[in-house]
Amino acid sequence: MRHRAQQLEKQIAKVKAELMKIEALRPGSLSQQYNVCGNPSCRCKASPPQRHGPYYQLNYTRKGTGGTRFVKQAEVKLVKHQLDSYARLRALVDRWIDLGTELADLELAEHRKSLQHDS
C-alpha cells in the first residue's frame, strides 16, 4: 500500500509541475460565423450566396456570468492557444483530483487499519 501511495505522490508532483507551465488561459469557446448584409445587390444575396466573413466570436461563462466578444482574425491563433491552455488546466486539475482521491482512500484505509491494531 505504501508503494502505491508513493507512486500517486510522484504522479501528483508531475501534475503540479505541468500546471506551473501553463501561461495565459481563457475559458470559453470560439465560433466562426458568416453574415448576410442588408444590401440587396451584394454578393451575399447572390445564387449561390457568398456570405461575409468569417467572423470569430468568443463565448464564455465565468463565475456564473456569460459573455461574448468578437475576436479579430489576427487574434484567432492567440485566443485558440489560450483556450487550449484552459482545457489543459481543467484536464490536469481533474487528474490531480483523481490521484488525490485515490491517495486519500489509501490514507483512510491505513488509518482504519492502525485503529484496529490499537484496539
Protein backbone atom coordinates (compact mmCIF):
# COMPACT_ATOMS: atom_id res chain seq x y z
CA MET A 1 0.00 0.00 0.00
CA ARG A 2 2.87 2.39 0.81
CA HIS A 3 4.38 1.73 -2.63
CA ARG A 4 1.13 2.74 -4.33
CA ALA A 5 0.94 5.89 -2.20
CA GLN A 6 4.46 6.84 -3.28
CA GLN A 7 3.51 6.28 -6.93
CA LEU A 8 0.47 8.52 -6.51
CA GLU A 9 2.54 11.22 -4.81
CA LYS A 10 5.01 11.17 -7.73
CA GLN A 11 2.18 11.43 -10.24
CA ILE A 12 0.66 14.34 -8.31
CA ALA A 13 4.06 16.08 -8.31
CA LYS A 14 4.20 15.68 -12.11
CA VAL A 15 0.70 17.18 -12.45
CA LYS A 16 1.74 20.13 -10.28
CA ALA A 17 4.84 20.66 -12.41
CA GLU A 18 2.71 20.64 -15.57
CA LEU A 19 0.33 23.15 -14.00
CA MET A 20 3.23 25.52 -13.42
CA LYS A 21 3.98 25.53 -17.16
CA ILE A 22 0.55 26.89 -18.10
CA GLU A 23 0.60 30.51 -19.14
CA ALA A 24 -2.25 32.74 -20.31
CA LEU A 25 -5.55 30.91 -20.34
CA ARG A 26 -9.11 31.70 -21.27
CA PRO A 27 -12.33 29.79 -20.65
CA GLY A 28 -14.92 29.54 -23.39
CA SER A 29 -15.28 28.51 -26.98
CA LEU A 30 -14.59 30.15 -30.29
CA SER A 31 -17.14 30.06 -33.08
CA GLN A 32 -16.91 31.09 -36.69
CA GLN A 33 -19.79 32.91 -38.35
CA TYR A 34 -20.74 34.22 -41.76
CA ASN A 35 -23.24 37.03 -42.16
CA VAL A 36 -25.67 38.40 -44.70
CA CYS A 37 -25.96 42.17 -45.03
CA GLY A 38 -28.92 44.36 -45.98
CA ASN A 39 -27.67 45.39 -49.44
CA PRO A 40 -29.95 43.64 -52.00
CA SER A 41 -27.27 43.70 -54.73
CA CYS A 42 -24.46 42.34 -52.51
CA ARG A 43 -22.64 39.09 -53.20
CA CYS A 44 -24.18 37.65 -50.03
CA LYS A 45 -27.57 37.69 -51.81
CA ALA A 46 -26.26 36.01 -55.00
CA SER A 47 -27.04 32.48 -56.04
CA PRO A 48 -25.17 30.74 -54.55
CA PRO A 49 -24.68 33.27 -51.75
CA GLN A 50 -21.17 34.35 -50.75
CA ARG A 51 -21.66 35.43 -47.18
CA HIS A 52 -19.44 37.92 -45.38
CA GLY A 53 -16.86 36.52 -43.03
CA PRO A 54 -15.61 34.55 -41.37
CA TYR A 55 -16.13 36.45 -38.14
CA TYR A 56 -14.95 34.92 -34.90
CA GLN A 57 -16.82 35.13 -31.63
CA LEU A 58 -15.67 34.05 -28.19
CA ASN A 59 -18.39 32.78 -25.85
CA TYR A 60 -17.62 32.19 -22.20
CA THR A 61 -19.10 31.81 -18.75
CA ARG A 62 -17.11 32.80 -15.69
CA LYS A 63 -18.41 32.89 -12.11
CA GLY A 64 -21.97 32.43 -13.34
CA THR A 65 -21.80 35.32 -15.79
CA GLY A 66 -21.76 34.71 -19.52
CA GLY A 67 -20.20 36.91 -22.11
CA THR A 68 -19.44 37.24 -25.76
CA ARG A 69 -16.72 39.12 -27.53
CA PHE A 70 -15.65 39.40 -31.12
CA VAL A 71 -12.14 38.27 -31.97
CA LYS A 72 -10.20 39.78 -34.85
CA GLN A 73 -8.74 37.43 -37.45
CA ALA A 74 -5.22 38.38 -36.34
CA GLU A 75 -6.05 37.35 -32.75
CA VAL A 76 -7.60 33.95 -33.51
CA LYS A 77 -4.37 31.94 -33.13
CA LEU A 78 -3.59 33.53 -29.75
CA VAL A 79 -7.14 33.05 -28.45
CA LYS A 80 -7.13 29.40 -29.56
CA HIS A 81 -3.86 28.90 -27.66
CA GLN A 82 -5.42 30.46 -24.55
CA LEU A 83 -8.49 28.23 -24.88
CA ASP A 84 -6.23 25.17 -25.24
CA SER A 85 -4.32 26.24 -22.12
CA TYR A 86 -7.57 26.46 -20.17
CA ALA A 87 -8.62 22.99 -21.37
CA ARG A 88 -5.18 21.68 -20.32
CA LEU A 89 -5.64 23.26 -16.88
CA ARG A 90 -9.01 21.60 -16.44
CA ALA A 91 -7.66 18.20 -17.52
CA LEU A 92 -4.71 18.46 -15.14
CA VAL A 93 -6.92 19.51 -12.23
CA ASP A 94 -9.24 16.57 -12.94
CA ARG A 95 -6.21 14.25 -12.99
CA TRP A 96 -4.98 15.70 -9.69
CA ILE A 97 -8.41 15.17 -8.13
CA ASP A 98 -8.48 11.54 -9.30
CA LEU A 99 -4.98 10.87 -7.96
CA GLY A 100 -5.63 12.76 -4.74
CA THR A 101 -8.84 10.87 -4.11
CA GLU A 102 -7.11 7.55 -4.56
CA LEU A 103 -4.32 8.69 -2.23
CA ALA A 104 -6.86 9.86 0.36
CA ASP A 105 -8.60 6.49 0.17
CA LEU A 106 -5.29 4.73 0.81
CA GLU A 107 -4.57 7.01 3.78
CA LEU A 108 -8.04 6.38 5.17
CA ALA A 109 -7.61 2.60 4.82
CA GLU A 110 -4.22 2.86 6.54
CA HIS A 111 -5.75 4.93 9.35
CA ARG A 112 -8.55 2.42 9.84
CA LYS A 113 -6.03 -0.42 9.92
CA SER A 114 -3.99 1.35 12.59
CA LEU A 115 -7.13 1.89 14.68
CA GLN A 116 -7.91 -1.85 14.51
CA HIS A 117 -4.41 -2.72 15.67
CA ASP A 118 -4.69 -0.29 18.61
CA SER A 119 -7.95 -1.87 19.79
